[in-house]
Amino acid sequence: MIIRILTWLALLCLFVLLGQKPVQLPVLIKGKIIPEKSVSVKEKTKIKEKDSRNKSIVLYKASWKGVNIASMRVEVYPNENYSDMKVSISTHGLLKWIVKYRSETDGKIGYKDGEYVPSFYHTDYSYRKKHRDIKLTYSQDGKQIIKDENVPPEKRWKRKEVPQQDKDGSLDPLALALVAREKIKQAYLGQGDKQFSLPLYDGRRRSDQVFSVSDGLKGGLIQVQMEERPVSGYTNNELKIFKDGSQIIDIYVEPKEFIPQKAKGQSPLGEAWIYLKKMCQTVAECS
């Protein structure tokens, strides 16, 4: 369960890191709006260099009964019309010995006509000595997956393939984070629904992610409950966890910049927590 919590907190912390719309041309130069065709190569270079310095790097730690069991580093690098991102998760101590889990996830998300558009998603992970590599490539409008790679091939007697109609219009985990962040912000400000659902396809499973935003603040934080509801592509063993409520995770979000401060979920061994450890200037600082 702690791996599930880590994965979903990665999405929530991306809300703030990717929440600002990517820099787009026309651009503002010395207080004046300049059309793209009028911007010199020199000015564009300066803008890109400035954008590269706006990277965000955050480190989270996971604990169970006060013992550090995992860490997660999120990196975001904004460009002109999209953002590149990377999420690294590693386990420590007893959990590392038991599950031997590690993952590296990266992707690209665009911003077009006021909406976030999935472009590319890639995750490479190992769990109990089993390795898997998933790549999703989207159409230009982000509505369809034009290339779906999953290596090694799934055992279809164990995990049925997700139908194409379920994949169409769905979001990858990183794109879902951006859309959800905007909806959480709107809900808190009274400009949107307190409960909403988003379609997720992670390369193996299709689910509906249901978010519930609490009224007001609790301890100075916005409480967001996130529930995973399976649609297709789940194994029988995976479906068992949906009988005891362990698919629900509580996230506590700071109300000004909407940065997740902590999250909790239930595991077979008890309650697990994840806390914001620090925000860094370099990857080395968050290693």
C-alpha atoms as a PDB file:
ATOM      1  CA  MET A   1       0.000   0.000   0.000  1.00  0.00           C
ATOM      2  CA  ILE A   2       2.862   2.398   0.729  1.00  0.00           C
ATOM      3  CA  ILE A   3       3.884   2.182  -2.949  1.00  0.00           C
ATOM      4  CA  ARG A   4       0.351   3.254  -3.937  1.00  0.00           C
ATOM      5  CA  ILE A   5       0.536   6.185  -1.498  1.00  0.00           C
ATOM      6  CA  LEU A   6       3.931   7.268  -2.834  1.00  0.00           C
ATOM      7  CA  THR A   7       2.715   7.122  -6.417  1.00  0.00           C
ATOM      8  CA  TRP A   8      -0.367   9.220  -5.767  1.00  0.00           C
ATOM      9  CA  LEU A   9       1.445  11.779  -3.665  1.00  0.00           C
ATOM     10  CA  ALA A  10       3.790  12.212  -6.619  1.00  0.00           C
ATOM     11  CA  LEU A  11       0.750  13.318  -8.593  1.00  0.00           C
ATOM     12  CA  LEU A  12      -0.414  15.694  -5.879  1.00  0.00           C
ATOM     13  CA  CYS A  13       2.945  17.412  -5.470  1.00  0.00           C
ATOM     14  CA  LEU A  14       3.028  17.904  -9.231  1.00  0.00           C
ATOM     15  CA  PHE A  15      -0.066  20.097  -8.787  1.00  0.00           C
ATOM     16  CA  VAL A  16       2.032  22.956  -7.511  1.00  0.00           C
ATOM     17  CA  LEU A  17       5.183  22.268  -9.496  1.00  0.00           C
ATOM     18  CA  LEU A  18       3.333  22.227 -12.795  1.00  0.00           C
ATOM     19  CA  GLY A  19       0.462  24.463 -11.801  1.00  0.00           C
ATOM     20  CA  GLN A  20       1.743  27.549 -13.572  1.00  0.00           C
ATOM     21  CA  LYS A  21       0.934  27.684 -17.261  1.00  0.00           C
ATOM     22  CA  PRO A  22       4.015  27.138 -19.448  1.00  0.00           C
ATOM     23  CA  VAL A  23       5.615  30.278 -20.861  1.00  0.00           C
ATOM     24  CA  GLN A  24       4.126  30.967 -24.291  1.00  0.00           C
ATOM     25  CA  LEU A  25       4.806  33.468 -27.038  1.00  0.00           C
ATOM     26  CA  PRO A  26       3.807  36.278 -27.519  1.00  0.00           C
ATOM     27  CA  VAL A  27       6.061  37.190 -24.618  1.00  0.00           C
ATOM     28  CA  LEU A  28       6.648  40.092 -22.278  1.00  0.00           C
ATOM     29  CA  ILE A  29       9.954  41.860 -22.892  1.00  0.00           C
ATOM     30  CA  LYS A  30      10.845  44.925 -20.830  1.00  0.00           C
ATOM     31  CA  GLY A  31       7.213  45.499 -19.958  1.00  0.00           C
ATOM     32  CA  LYS A  32       5.909  45.241 -23.540  1.00  0.00           C
ATOM     33  CA  ILE A  33       4.013  42.410 -25.233  1.00  0.00           C
ATOM     34  CA  ILE A  34       5.937  41.402 -28.352  1.00  0.00           C
ATOM     35  CA  PRO A  35       4.411  39.129 -31.072  1.00  0.00           C
ATOM     36  CA  GLU A  36       6.336  35.895 -31.607  1.00  0.00           C
ATOM     37  CA  LYS A  37       7.479  36.819 -35.118  1.00  0.00           C
ATOM     38  CA  SER A  38       8.994  40.043 -33.741  1.00  0.00           C
ATOM     39  CA  VAL A  39      11.060  38.302 -31.042  1.00  0.00           C
ATOM     40  CA  SER A  40      14.706  37.959 -32.000  1.00  0.00           C
ATOM     41  CA  VAL A  41      16.658  34.731 -31.640  1.00  0.00           C
ATOM     42  CA  LYS A  42      18.736  36.441 -28.939  1.00  0.00           C
ATOM     43  CA  GLU A  43      15.641  37.361 -26.928  1.00  0.00           C
ATOM     44  CA  LYS A  44      14.175  33.861 -27.314  1.00  0.00           C
ATOM     45  CA  THR A  45      17.447  32.407 -26.030  1.00  0.00           C
ATOM     46  CA  LYS A  46      17.292  34.665 -22.973  1.00  0.00           C
ATOM     47  CA  ILE A  47      13.712  33.591 -22.314  1.00  0.00           C
ATOM     48  CA  LYS A  48      14.579  29.909 -22.571  1.00  0.00           C
ATOM     49  CA  GLU A  49      17.550  30.363 -20.248  1.00  0.00           C
ATOM     50  CA  LYS A  50      15.277  32.098 -17.733  1.00  0.00           C
ATOM     51  CA  ASP A  51      12.706  29.294 -18.036  1.00  0.00           C
ATOM     52  CA  SER A  52      15.386  26.682 -17.339  1.00  0.00           C
ATOM     53  CA  ARG A  53      16.146  28.401 -14.051  1.00  0.00           C
ATOM     54  CA  ASN A  54      12.491  28.051 -13.001  1.00  0.00           C
ATOM     55  CA  LYS A  55      12.889  24.329 -12.374  1.00  0.00           C
ATOM     56  CA  SER A  56      11.320  22.884  -9.235  1.00  0.00           C
ATOM     57  CA  ILE A  57      12.703  19.995  -7.175  1.00  0.00           C
ATOM     58  CA  VAL A  58      10.904  18.579  -4.136  1.00  0.00           C
ATOM     59  CA  LEU A  59      11.707  15.736  -1.747  1.00  0.00           C
ATOM     60  CA  TYR A  60       9.112  13.729   0.209  1.00  0.00           C
ATOM     61  CA  LYS A  61       9.706  11.061   2.862  1.00  0.00           C
ATOM     62  CA  ALA A  62       7.432   8.157   3.786  1.00  0.00           C
ATOM     63  CA  SER A  63       7.224   6.602   7.248  1.00  0.00           C
ATOM     64  CA  TRP A  64       5.487   3.743   9.019  1.00  0.00           C
ATOM     65  CA  LYS A  65       5.362   3.761  12.814  1.00  0.00           C
ATOM     66  CA  GLY A  66       8.011   6.499  12.834  1.00  0.00           C
ATOM     67  CA  VAL A  67      10.462   4.573  10.646  1.00  0.00           C
ATOM     68  CA  ASN A  68      11.636   6.038   7.321  1.00  0.00           C
ATOM     69  CA  ILE A  69      10.728   3.517   4.618  1.00  0.00           C
ATOM     70  CA  ALA A  70      10.808   5.409   1.307  1.00  0.00           C
ATOM     71  CA  SER A  71      11.636   8.694  -0.421  1.00  0.00           C
ATOM     72  CA  MET A  72      10.370  10.431  -3.516  1.00  0.00           C
ATOM     73  CA  ARG A  73      11.986  13.198  -5.573  1.00  0.00           C
ATOM     74  CA  VAL A  74      10.006  15.239  -8.096  1.00  0.00           C
ATOM     75  CA  GLU A  75      11.724  17.393 -10.748  1.00  0.00           C
ATOM     76  CA  VAL A  76       9.958  19.775 -13.125  1.00  0.00           C
ATOM     77  CA  TYR A  77      11.580  21.729 -15.960  1.00  0.00           C
ATOM     78  CA  PRO A  78       9.258  24.222 -17.740  1.00  0.00           C
ATOM     79  CA  ASN A  79       9.767  25.113 -21.397  1.00  0.00           C
ATOM     80  CA  GLU A  80       7.917  27.375 -23.830  1.00  0.00           C
ATOM     81  CA  ASN A  81       4.717  25.403 -24.373  1.00  0.00           C
ATOM     82  CA  TYR A  82       5.132  22.352 -22.188  1.00  0.00           C
ATOM     83  CA  SER A  83       6.848  21.013 -19.086  1.00  0.00           C
ATOM     84  CA  ASP A  84       9.241  18.086 -18.748  1.00  0.00           C
ATOM     85  CA  MET A  85       9.057  16.215 -15.461  1.00  0.00           C
ATOM     86  CA  LYS A  86      10.632  13.343 -13.592  1.00  0.00           C
ATOM     87  CA  VAL A  87       9.562  11.411 -10.474  1.00  0.00           C
ATOM     88  CA  SER A  88      11.983   9.064  -8.681  1.00  0.00           C
ATOM     89  CA  ILE A  89      10.815   6.709  -5.903  1.00  0.00           C
ATOM     90  CA  SER A  90      13.050   4.443  -3.845  1.00  0.00           C
ATOM     91  CA  THR A  91      12.439   2.314  -0.764  1.00  0.00           C
ATOM     92  CA  HIS A  92      14.633   2.109   2.333  1.00  0.00           C
ATOM     93  CA  GLY A  93      15.325  -0.220   5.230  1.00  0.00           C
ATOM     94  CA  LEU A  94      12.803  -3.002   5.879  1.00  0.00           C
ATOM     95  CA  LEU A  95      10.547  -2.080   2.966  1.00  0.00           C
ATOM     96  CA  LYS A  96      13.470  -2.197   0.534  1.00  0.00           C
ATOM     97  CA  TRP A  97      14.336  -5.667   1.792  1.00  0.00           C
ATOM     98  CA  ILE A  98      10.720  -6.874   1.463  1.00  0.00           C
ATOM     99  CA  VAL A  99       9.514  -5.369  -1.843  1.00  0.00           C
ATOM    100  CA  LYS A 100      12.718  -4.073  -3.490  1.00  0.00           C
ATOM    101  CA  TYR A 101      10.779  -1.290  -5.221  1.00  0.00           C
ATOM    102  CA  ARG A 102      12.210   1.548  -7.276  1.00  0.00           C
ATOM    103  CA  SER A 103      10.778   3.612 -10.120  1.00  0.00           C
ATOM    104  CA  GLU A 104      11.748   6.359 -12.560  1.00  0.00           C
ATOM    105  CA  THR A 105       8.906   8.184 -14.288  1.00  0.00           C
ATOM    106  CA  ASP A 106       9.165  11.004 -16.812  1.00  0.00           C
ATOM    107  CA  GLY A 107       6.792  12.750 -19.176  1.00  0.00           C
ATOM    108  CA  LYS A 108       5.831  15.786 -21.185  1.00  0.00           C
ATOM    109  CA  ILE A 109       2.600  17.753 -20.890  1.00  0.00           C
ATOM    110  CA  GLY A 110       1.546  20.619 -23.121  1.00  0.00           C
ATOM    111  CA  TYR A 111      -0.820  23.518 -22.581  1.00  0.00           C
ATOM    112  CA  LYS A 112      -3.155  24.270 -25.463  1.00  0.00           C
ATOM    113  CA  ASP A 113      -6.267  26.434 -25.687  1.00  0.00           C
ATOM    114  CA  GLY A 114      -6.515  26.726 -21.917  1.00  0.00           C
ATOM    115  CA  GLU A 115      -6.190  22.999 -21.264  1.00  0.00           C
ATOM    116  CA  TYR A 116      -3.405  20.615 -20.288  1.00  0.00           C
ATOM    117  CA  VAL A 117      -2.691  18.091 -23.049  1.00  0.00           C
ATOM    118  CA  PRO A 118      -0.841  14.789 -22.463  1.00  0.00           C
ATOM    119  CA  SER A 119       1.970  14.278 -24.949  1.00  0.00           C
ATOM    120  CA  PHE A 120       4.267  11.536 -23.632  1.00  0.00           C
ATOM    121  CA  TYR A 121       4.486   9.347 -20.523  1.00  0.00           C
ATOM    122  CA  HIS A 122       7.177   6.865 -19.509  1.00  0.00           C
ATOM    123  CA  THR A 123       7.675   4.822 -16.363  1.00  0.00           C
ATOM    124  CA  ASP A 124      10.371   2.255 -15.639  1.00  0.00           C
ATOM    125  CA  TYR A 125      10.109   0.335 -12.382  1.00  0.00           C
ATOM    126  CA  SER A 126      11.048  -2.846 -10.565  1.00  0.00           C
ATOM    127  CA  TYR A 127       9.084  -4.605  -7.831  1.00  0.00           C
ATOM    128  CA  ARG A 128      10.200  -7.799  -6.097  1.00  0.00           C
ATOM    129  CA  LYS A 129      12.830  -8.399  -8.799  1.00  0.00           C
ATOM    130  CA  LYS A 130      10.269  -7.961 -11.590  1.00  0.00           C
ATOM    131  CA  HIS A 131      10.910  -5.178 -14.084  1.00  0.00           C
ATOM    132  CA  ARG A 132       8.428  -3.281 -16.277  1.00  0.00           C
ATOM    133  CA  ASP A 133       8.786  -0.461 -18.819  1.00  0.00           C
ATOM    134  CA  ILE A 134       5.733   1.484 -20.046  1.00  0.00           C
ATOM    135  CA  LYS A 135       5.573   4.218 -22.700  1.00  0.00           C
ATOM    136  CA  LEU A 136       2.473   6.103 -23.863  1.00  0.00           C
ATOM    137  CA  THR A 137       2.568   8.456 -26.859  1.00  0.00           C
ATOM    138  CA  TYR A 138      -0.460  10.664 -27.537  1.00  0.00           C
ATOM    139  CA  SER A 139      -2.004  12.299 -30.586  1.00  0.00           C
ATOM    140  CA  GLN A 140      -1.429  16.030 -31.021  1.00  0.00           C
ATOM    141  CA  ASP A 141      -4.711  16.904 -29.323  1.00  0.00           C
ATOM    142  CA  GLY A 142      -4.030  14.455 -26.480  1.00  0.00           C
ATOM    143  CA  LYS A 143      -7.335  12.626 -27.010  1.00  0.00           C
ATOM    144  CA  GLN A 144      -5.935   9.311 -28.229  1.00  0.00           C
ATOM    145  CA  ILE A 145      -2.958   7.087 -27.482  1.00  0.00           C
ATOM    146  CA  ILE A 146      -1.199   6.433 -30.786  1.00  0.00           C
ATOM    147  CA  LYS A 147       1.532   4.222 -29.330  1.00  0.00           C
ATOM    148  CA  ASP A 148       1.080   2.009 -26.259  1.00  0.00           C
ATOM    149  CA  GLU A 149       4.201   0.071 -25.206  1.00  0.00           C
ATOM    150  CA  ASN A 150       4.303  -2.304 -22.226  1.00  0.00           C
ATOM    151  CA  VAL A 151       7.392  -4.523 -21.757  1.00  0.00           C
ATOM    152  CA  PRO A 152       7.420  -7.393 -20.937  1.00  0.00           C
ATOM    153  CA  PRO A 153       4.038  -8.382 -22.425  1.00  0.00           C
ATOM    154  CA  GLU A 154       1.235  -8.891 -19.915  1.00  0.00           C
ATOM    155  CA  LYS A 155      -0.068 -12.362 -19.083  1.00  0.00           C
ATOM    156  CA  ARG A 156      -3.548 -11.875 -20.481  1.00  0.00           C
ATOM    157  CA  TRP A 157      -4.982 -14.820 -18.582  1.00  0.00           C
ATOM    158  CA  LYS A 158      -4.142 -12.822 -15.468  1.00  0.00           C
ATOM    159  CA  ARG A 159      -4.611  -9.199 -16.578  1.00  0.00           C
ATOM    160  CA  LYS A 160      -7.121  -8.492 -19.343  1.00  0.00           C
ATOM    161  CA  GLU A 161      -6.301  -5.803 -21.880  1.00  0.00           C
ATOM    162  CA  VAL A 162      -7.920  -2.400 -21.430  1.00  0.00           C
ATOM    163  CA  PRO A 163     -10.419  -1.810 -24.292  1.00  0.00           C
ATOM    164  CA  GLN A 164      -9.608   1.006 -26.710  1.00  0.00           C
ATOM    165  CA  GLN A 165     -12.835   2.833 -25.840  1.00  0.00           C
ATOM    166  CA  ASP A 166     -11.699   2.972 -22.213  1.00  0.00           C
ATOM    167  CA  LYS A 167      -8.325   4.431 -23.204  1.00  0.00           C
ATOM    168  CA  ASP A 168      -9.746   7.155 -25.457  1.00  0.00           C
ATOM    169  CA  GLY A 169     -10.007  10.470 -23.642  1.00  0.00           C
ATOM    170  CA  SER A 170      -8.171   9.238 -20.561  1.00  0.00           C
ATOM    171  CA  LEU A 171      -5.242  10.961 -18.851  1.00  0.00           C
ATOM    172  CA  ASP A 172      -1.849   9.595 -17.922  1.00  0.00           C
ATOM    173  CA  PRO A 173      -0.870   9.997 -14.229  1.00  0.00           C
ATOM    174  CA  LEU A 174       1.105  13.211 -14.799  1.00  0.00           C
ATOM    175  CA  ALA A 175      -1.546  14.912 -16.922  1.00  0.00           C
ATOM    176  CA  LEU A 176      -4.190  13.898 -14.414  1.00  0.00           C
ATOM    177  CA  ALA A 177      -2.240  15.682 -11.687  1.00  0.00           C
ATOM    178  CA  LEU A 178      -2.432  18.998 -13.515  1.00  0.00           C
ATOM    179  CA  VAL A 179      -6.127  18.771 -14.297  1.00  0.00           C
ATOM    180  CA  ALA A 180      -6.916  17.703 -10.729  1.00  0.00           C
ATOM    181  CA  ARG A 181      -4.888  20.551  -9.232  1.00  0.00           C
ATOM    182  CA  GLU A 182      -6.912  23.130 -11.134  1.00  0.00           C
ATOM    183  CA  LYS A 183     -10.177  21.501 -10.071  1.00  0.00           C
ATOM    184  CA  ILE A 184      -9.093  21.331  -6.419  1.00  0.00           C
ATOM    185  CA  LYS A 185      -8.142  24.988  -6.507  1.00  0.00           C
ATOM    186  CA  GLN A 186     -11.487  25.944  -8.060  1.00  0.00           C
ATOM    187  CA  ALA A 187     -13.392  23.842  -5.516  1.00  0.00           C
ATOM    188  CA  TYR A 188     -11.597  25.476  -2.590  1.00  0.00           C
ATOM    189  CA  LEU A 189     -12.274  28.954  -4.005  1.00  0.00           C
ATOM    190  CA  GLY A 190     -15.956  28.132  -4.478  1.00  0.00           C
ATOM    191  CA  GLN A 191     -15.696  28.195  -8.261  1.00  0.00           C
ATOM    192  CA  GLY A 192     -16.096  24.471  -8.938  1.00  0.00           C
ATOM    193  CA  ASP A 193     -17.537  21.191  -7.695  1.00  0.00           C
ATOM    194  CA  LYS A 194     -16.327  19.792  -4.376  1.00  0.00           C
ATOM    195  CA  GLN A 195     -16.341  16.302  -5.857  1.00  0.00           C
ATOM    196  CA  PHE A 196     -15.168  15.344  -9.322  1.00  0.00           C
ATOM    197  CA  SER A 197     -13.912  12.302 -11.213  1.00  0.00           C
ATOM    198  CA  LEU A 198     -11.092  11.989 -13.762  1.00  0.00           C
ATOM    199  CA  PRO A 199     -10.316   9.045 -16.110  1.00  0.00           C
ATOM    200  CA  LEU A 200      -6.836   7.549 -15.635  1.00  0.00           C
ATOM    201  CA  TYR A 201      -4.900   5.071 -17.777  1.00  0.00           C
ATOM    202  CA  ASP A 202      -1.434   4.153 -16.492  1.00  0.00           C
ATOM    203  CA  GLY A 203      -0.438   1.720 -19.236  1.00  0.00           C
ATOM    204  CA  ARG A 204      -1.894  -1.318 -17.467  1.00  0.00           C
ATOM    205  CA  ARG A 205      -5.138  -0.286 -15.759  1.00  0.00           C
ATOM    206  CA  ARG A 206      -7.999   2.091 -16.451  1.00  0.00           C
ATOM    207  CA  SER A 207      -9.646   3.673 -13.416  1.00  0.00           C
ATOM    208  CA  ASP A 208     -11.730   6.636 -12.339  1.00  0.00           C
ATOM    209  CA  GLN A 209      -9.998   8.812  -9.763  1.00  0.00           C
ATOM    210  CA  VAL A 210     -12.616  10.458  -7.548  1.00  0.00           C
ATOM    211  CA  PHE A 211     -11.581  13.556  -5.600  1.00  0.00           C
ATOM    212  CA  SER A 212     -13.523  15.037  -2.666  1.00  0.00           C
ATOM    213  CA  VAL A 213     -12.493  18.462  -1.363  1.00  0.00           C
ATOM    214  CA  SER A 214     -13.477  19.278   2.222  1.00  0.00           C
ATOM    215  CA  ASP A 215     -15.217  22.492   3.232  1.00  0.00           C
ATOM    216  CA  GLY A 216     -12.932  25.057   4.867  1.00  0.00           C
ATOM    217  CA  LEU A 217      -9.592  24.189   6.443  1.00  0.00           C
ATOM    218  CA  LYS A 218      -8.557  21.541   8.945  1.00  0.00           C
ATOM    219  CA  GLY A 219      -5.470  22.508  10.883  1.00  0.00           C
ATOM    220  CA  GLY A 220      -4.806  25.217   8.306  1.00  0.00           C
ATOM    221  CA  LEU A 221      -4.822  22.741   5.415  1.00  0.00           C
ATOM    222  CA  ILE A 222      -7.243  21.672   2.697  1.00  0.00           C
ATOM    223  CA  GLN A 223      -8.191  18.026   3.103  1.00  0.00           C
ATOM    224  CA  VAL A 224      -8.579  16.160  -0.182  1.00  0.00           C
ATOM    225  CA  GLN A 225      -9.745  12.571  -0.286  1.00  0.00           C
ATOM    226  CA  MET A 226      -8.709  10.583  -3.331  1.00  0.00           C
ATOM    227  CA  GLU A 227     -10.426   7.307  -4.181  1.00  0.00           C
ATOM    228  CA  GLU A 228      -9.485   4.890  -6.935  1.00  0.00           C
ATOM    229  CA  ARG A 229     -12.378   3.112  -8.660  1.00  0.00           C
ATOM    230  CA  PRO A 230     -11.382   0.320 -11.070  1.00  0.00           C
ATOM    231  CA  VAL A 231     -12.789   0.236 -14.605  1.00  0.00           C
ATOM    232  CA  SER A 232     -10.719  -2.327 -16.535  1.00  0.00           C
ATOM    233  CA  GLY A 233      -7.312  -4.015 -16.684  1.00  0.00           C
ATOM    234  CA  TYR A 234      -7.135  -5.069 -13.011  1.00  0.00           C
ATOM    235  CA  THR A 235      -6.111  -8.514 -11.796  1.00  0.00           C
ATOM    236  CA  ASN A 236      -8.236 -10.410  -9.275  1.00  0.00           C
ATOM    237  CA  ASN A 237      -5.613  -9.834  -6.578  1.00  0.00           C
ATOM    238  CA  GLU A 238      -5.587  -6.092  -7.236  1.00  0.00           C
ATOM    239  CA  LEU A 239      -9.362  -5.937  -6.974  1.00  0.00           C
ATOM    240  CA  LYS A 240      -9.272  -7.457  -3.488  1.00  0.00           C
ATOM    241  CA  ILE A 241      -7.889  -4.260  -1.955  1.00  0.00           C
ATOM    242  CA  PHE A 242     -11.034  -2.360  -2.950  1.00  0.00           C
ATOM    243  CA  LYS A 243     -13.081  -4.321  -0.427  1.00  0.00           C
ATOM    244  CA  ASP A 244     -11.484  -2.873   2.723  1.00  0.00           C
ATOM    245  CA  GLY A 245     -11.248   0.841   1.892  1.00  0.00           C
ATOM    246  CA  SER A 246      -7.458   0.838   1.469  1.00  0.00           C
ATOM    247  CA  GLN A 247      -7.821   2.472  -1.949  1.00  0.00           C
ATOM    248  CA  ILE A 248      -8.666   5.789  -0.253  1.00  0.00           C
ATOM    249  CA  ILE A 249      -5.868   8.264   0.495  1.00  0.00           C
ATOM    250  CA  ASP A 250      -6.159  11.518   2.437  1.00  0.00           C
ATOM    251  CA  ILE A 251      -3.983  14.410   1.235  1.00  0.00           C
ATOM    252  CA  TYR A 252      -3.489  17.664   3.140  1.00  0.00           C
ATOM    253  CA  VAL A 253      -2.782  20.658   0.913  1.00  0.00           C
ATOM    254  CA  GLU A 254      -1.486  24.125   1.836  1.00  0.00           C
ATOM    255  CA  PRO A 255      -4.134  26.673   0.685  1.00  0.00           C
ATOM    256  CA  LYS A 256      -1.936  29.436  -0.792  1.00  0.00           C
ATOM    257  CA  GLU A 257       0.366  27.683  -3.254  1.00  0.00           C
ATOM    258  CA  PHE A 258      -1.542  24.380  -3.067  1.00  0.00           C
ATOM    259  CA  ILE A 259       1.540  22.395  -2.053  1.00  0.00           C
ATOM    260  CA  PRO A 260       0.706  18.981  -0.505  1.00  0.00           C
ATOM    261  CA  GLN A 261       2.212  18.875   2.990  1.00  0.00           C
ATOM    262  CA  LYS A 262       1.381  15.300   3.936  1.00  0.00           C
ATOM    263  CA  ALA A 263      -0.731  12.278   3.030  1.00  0.00           C
ATOM    264  CA  LYS A 264      -1.881   9.135   4.779  1.00  0.00           C
ATOM    265  CA  GLY A 265      -3.219   5.755   3.758  1.00  0.00           C
ATOM    266  CA  GLN A 266      -3.861   2.338   5.218  1.00  0.00           C
ATOM    267  CA  SER A 267      -1.508  -0.574   4.579  1.00  0.00           C
ATOM    268  CA  PRO A 268      -1.851  -4.203   5.708  1.00  0.00           C
ATOM    269  CA  LEU A 269       0.602  -3.354   8.503  1.00  0.00           C
ATOM    270  CA  GLY A 270      -1.101  -0.164   9.629  1.00  0.00           C
ATOM    271  CA  GLU A 271      -1.271   3.529   8.781  1.00  0.00           C
ATOM    272  CA  ALA A 272       1.478   5.009   6.617  1.00  0.00           C
ATOM    273  CA  TRP A 273       2.322   8.717   6.249  1.00  0.00           C
ATOM    274  CA  ILE A 274       4.221  10.820   3.748  1.00  0.00           C
ATOM    275  CA  TYR A 275       5.601  14.271   4.602  1.00  0.00           C
ATOM    276  CA  LEU A 276       7.107  17.123   2.639  1.00  0.00           C
ATOM    277  CA  LYS A 277      10.792  17.068   3.576  1.00  0.00           C
ATOM    278  CA  LYS A 278      12.227  19.989   1.606  1.00  0.00           C
ATOM    279  CA  MET A 279      12.303  21.941  -1.640  1.00  0.00           C
ATOM    280  CA  CYS A 280      15.699  22.032  -3.356  1.00  0.00           C
ATOM    281  CA  GLN A 281      17.683  24.013  -5.902  1.00  0.00           C
ATOM    282  CA  THR A 282      19.577  20.978  -7.234  1.00  0.00           C
ATOM    283  CA  VAL A 283      18.986  17.256  -7.583  1.00  0.00           C
ATOM    284  CA  ALA A 284      21.973  16.607  -5.302  1.00  0.00           C
ATOM    285  CA  GLU A 285      20.299  18.529  -2.461  1.00  0.00           C
ATOM    286  CA  CYS A 286      17.247  16.279  -2.714  1.00  0.00           C
ATOM    287  CA  SER A 287      19.123  12.993  -3.062  1.00  0.00           C
END
